[in-house]
Amino acid sequence: MVKAALMHHMNLAIDDVEKARDFYGRVLGLQEIKRPATGRLGLWFGCADNELHFSLRPGFQGGRTAMSLYPAERPGRLGGHVAFTMEGSLDNIAKHLEAEEIPYARGTAGFPRIFCEDPAGNLIELNTGWAQEPIR
């Protein structure tokens, strides 16, 4: 039997390496990690045992996913996003995003969370954690 041991990384397309570095490194507090020479531009971040990789796509036109921050842009559509469990309260996270002038929306389904977009338009979820029971 084949069984996944852990989720290692996810890769997102970006249009500007420095804007992504600032958002994920300074704004969200992720640690940039060494990236092997691949012949293409990008960057990697570590978060606990997981990694988030970014590949530069020159001319990338607004990376907005089908799961936009703005509900009017996503009726009936599902799309991808990356979720981070953050330290602190959602109110403190909201104040931080406001200070950075980053638009956000509070999630209303399931559990408390905040959604924002990175500089390339990728949807990002910020939550304060929760526990899930496996389906048996």
Protein backbone atom coordinates (compact mmCIF):
# COMPACT_ATOMS: atom_id res chain seq x y z
CA MET A 1 0.00 0.00 0.00
CA VAL A 2 1.16 3.54 -0.74
CA LYS A 3 0.52 6.11 1.98
CA ALA A 4 1.54 9.78 2.05
CA ALA A 5 3.64 10.61 5.11
CA LEU A 6 3.17 14.40 5.08
CA MET A 7 2.43 17.26 2.76
CA HIS A 8 5.86 18.57 1.81
CA HIS A 9 5.18 21.71 -0.22
CA MET A 10 2.86 23.67 -2.43
CA ASN A 11 3.93 25.84 -5.35
CA LEU A 12 2.28 29.13 -6.30
CA ALA A 13 2.83 31.29 -9.36
CA ILE A 14 3.91 34.87 -8.72
CA ASP A 15 4.68 37.85 -10.92
CA ASP A 16 7.20 39.63 -8.67
CA VAL A 17 9.78 37.90 -6.46
CA GLU A 18 10.48 40.90 -4.22
CA LYS A 19 6.78 41.61 -3.56
CA ALA A 20 6.27 37.94 -2.66
CA ARG A 21 9.37 37.98 -0.43
CA ASP A 22 8.04 41.05 1.41
CA PHE A 23 4.50 39.69 1.83
CA TYR A 24 5.37 36.17 2.96
CA GLY A 25 8.55 37.07 4.84
CA ARG A 26 7.83 40.41 6.47
CA VAL A 27 4.03 40.56 6.57
CA LEU A 28 3.28 36.89 7.39
CA GLY A 29 6.56 36.13 9.20
CA LEU A 30 7.62 33.05 7.21
CA GLN A 31 11.30 32.11 7.09
CA GLU A 32 12.88 32.14 3.63
CA ILE A 33 14.83 28.94 2.98
CA LYS A 34 17.53 27.98 0.52
CA ARG A 35 16.31 27.16 -2.97
CA PRO A 36 18.36 25.02 -5.35
CA ALA A 37 19.57 26.55 -8.62
CA THR A 38 16.87 25.55 -11.08
CA GLY A 39 17.61 28.01 -13.85
CA ARG A 40 14.32 29.78 -13.11
CA LEU A 41 13.54 32.60 -10.72
CA GLY A 42 11.52 32.01 -7.59
CA LEU A 43 11.83 31.62 -3.84
CA TRP A 44 10.94 29.18 -1.07
CA PHE A 45 9.69 29.61 2.49
CA GLY A 46 9.53 27.13 5.35
CA CYS A 47 6.70 26.83 7.87
CA ALA A 48 7.14 24.11 10.50
CA ASP A 49 7.66 20.86 8.52
CA ASN A 50 6.15 22.31 5.33
CA GLU A 51 7.43 24.46 2.51
CA LEU A 52 5.81 26.99 0.24
CA HIS A 53 7.50 27.41 -3.14
CA PHE A 54 7.01 30.29 -5.57
CA SER A 55 7.74 30.24 -9.28
CA LEU A 56 8.10 33.47 -11.19
CA ARG A 57 5.95 33.62 -14.28
CA PRO A 58 6.92 36.76 -16.22
CA GLY A 59 3.88 38.51 -17.63
CA PHE A 60 1.63 36.69 -15.16
CA GLN A 61 -1.61 38.65 -15.30
CA GLY A 62 -3.18 38.86 -11.84
CA GLY A 63 -2.90 35.45 -10.25
CA ARG A 64 -6.36 35.74 -8.78
CA THR A 65 -7.73 32.28 -8.14
CA ALA A 66 -11.32 31.21 -8.70
CA MET A 67 -11.71 31.69 -4.95
CA SER A 68 -11.45 35.48 -4.91
CA LEU A 69 -11.37 37.54 -1.73
CA TYR A 70 -14.45 39.34 -3.02
CA PRO A 71 -17.63 37.20 -2.73
CA ALA A 72 -19.29 38.84 -5.76
CA GLU A 73 -16.45 37.44 -7.89
CA ARG A 74 -16.90 33.85 -6.72
CA PRO A 75 -20.58 32.88 -6.68
CA GLY A 76 -20.85 29.14 -7.12
CA ARG A 77 -17.12 28.76 -7.84
CA LEU A 78 -14.61 26.81 -5.84
CA GLY A 79 -10.94 27.53 -5.99
CA GLY A 80 -7.67 26.97 -4.20
CA HIS A 81 -6.07 28.84 -1.38
CA VAL A 82 -3.23 28.44 1.10
CA ALA A 83 -4.10 28.50 4.81
CA PHE A 84 -1.78 29.47 7.66
CA THR A 85 -2.43 29.01 11.37
CA MET A 86 -1.20 32.24 12.89
CA GLU A 87 -0.15 33.27 16.37
CA GLY A 88 -2.35 35.80 18.16
CA SER A 89 -6.01 36.65 17.77
CA LEU A 90 -7.95 37.27 14.59
CA ASP A 91 -8.49 40.85 15.75
CA ASN A 92 -4.71 41.36 16.01
CA ILE A 93 -4.22 39.78 12.59
CA ALA A 94 -6.89 42.11 11.16
CA LYS A 95 -5.18 45.16 12.73
CA HIS A 96 -1.85 44.03 11.26
CA LEU A 97 -3.35 43.70 7.77
CA GLU A 98 -5.01 47.11 8.13
CA ALA A 99 -1.67 48.68 9.11
CA GLU A 100 -0.15 47.09 5.98
CA GLU A 101 -3.11 48.38 3.93
CA ILE A 102 -3.96 44.84 2.82
CA PRO A 103 -7.67 44.30 2.12
CA TYR A 104 -9.19 41.30 3.89
CA ALA A 105 -12.50 39.59 4.57
CA ARG A 106 -13.52 37.57 7.58
CA GLY A 107 -14.68 34.03 6.88
CA THR A 108 -18.13 33.17 8.12
CA ALA A 109 -18.42 29.43 7.50
CA GLY A 110 -16.99 26.67 9.66
CA PHE A 111 -14.59 28.43 11.99
CA PRO A 112 -13.19 31.97 12.39
CA ARG A 113 -10.65 33.01 9.77
CA ILE A 114 -9.52 35.89 7.62
CA PHE A 115 -8.89 35.88 3.89
CA CYS A 116 -6.57 38.20 1.99
CA GLU A 117 -4.68 38.09 -1.28
CA ASP A 118 -0.93 38.07 -1.81
CA PRO A 119 0.56 40.61 -4.25
CA ALA A 120 0.04 38.17 -7.17
CA GLY A 121 -3.65 37.64 -6.32
CA ASN A 122 -3.34 34.20 -4.69
CA LEU A 123 -5.99 33.74 -1.99
CA ILE A 124 -4.55 33.32 1.52
CA GLU A 125 -6.43 32.15 4.62
CA LEU A 126 -5.22 33.16 8.08
CA ASN A 127 -6.71 31.30 11.04
CA THR A 128 -5.82 30.61 14.66
CA GLY A 129 -6.05 26.81 14.45
CA TRP A 130 -8.54 24.09 15.14
CA ALA A 131 -8.54 20.34 15.68
CA GLN A 132 -9.97 17.86 13.21
CA GLU A 133 -10.91 14.24 13.85
CA PRO A 134 -10.09 11.74 11.09
CA ILE A 135 -12.97 10.10 9.27
CA ARG A 136 -12.91 6.42 10.12
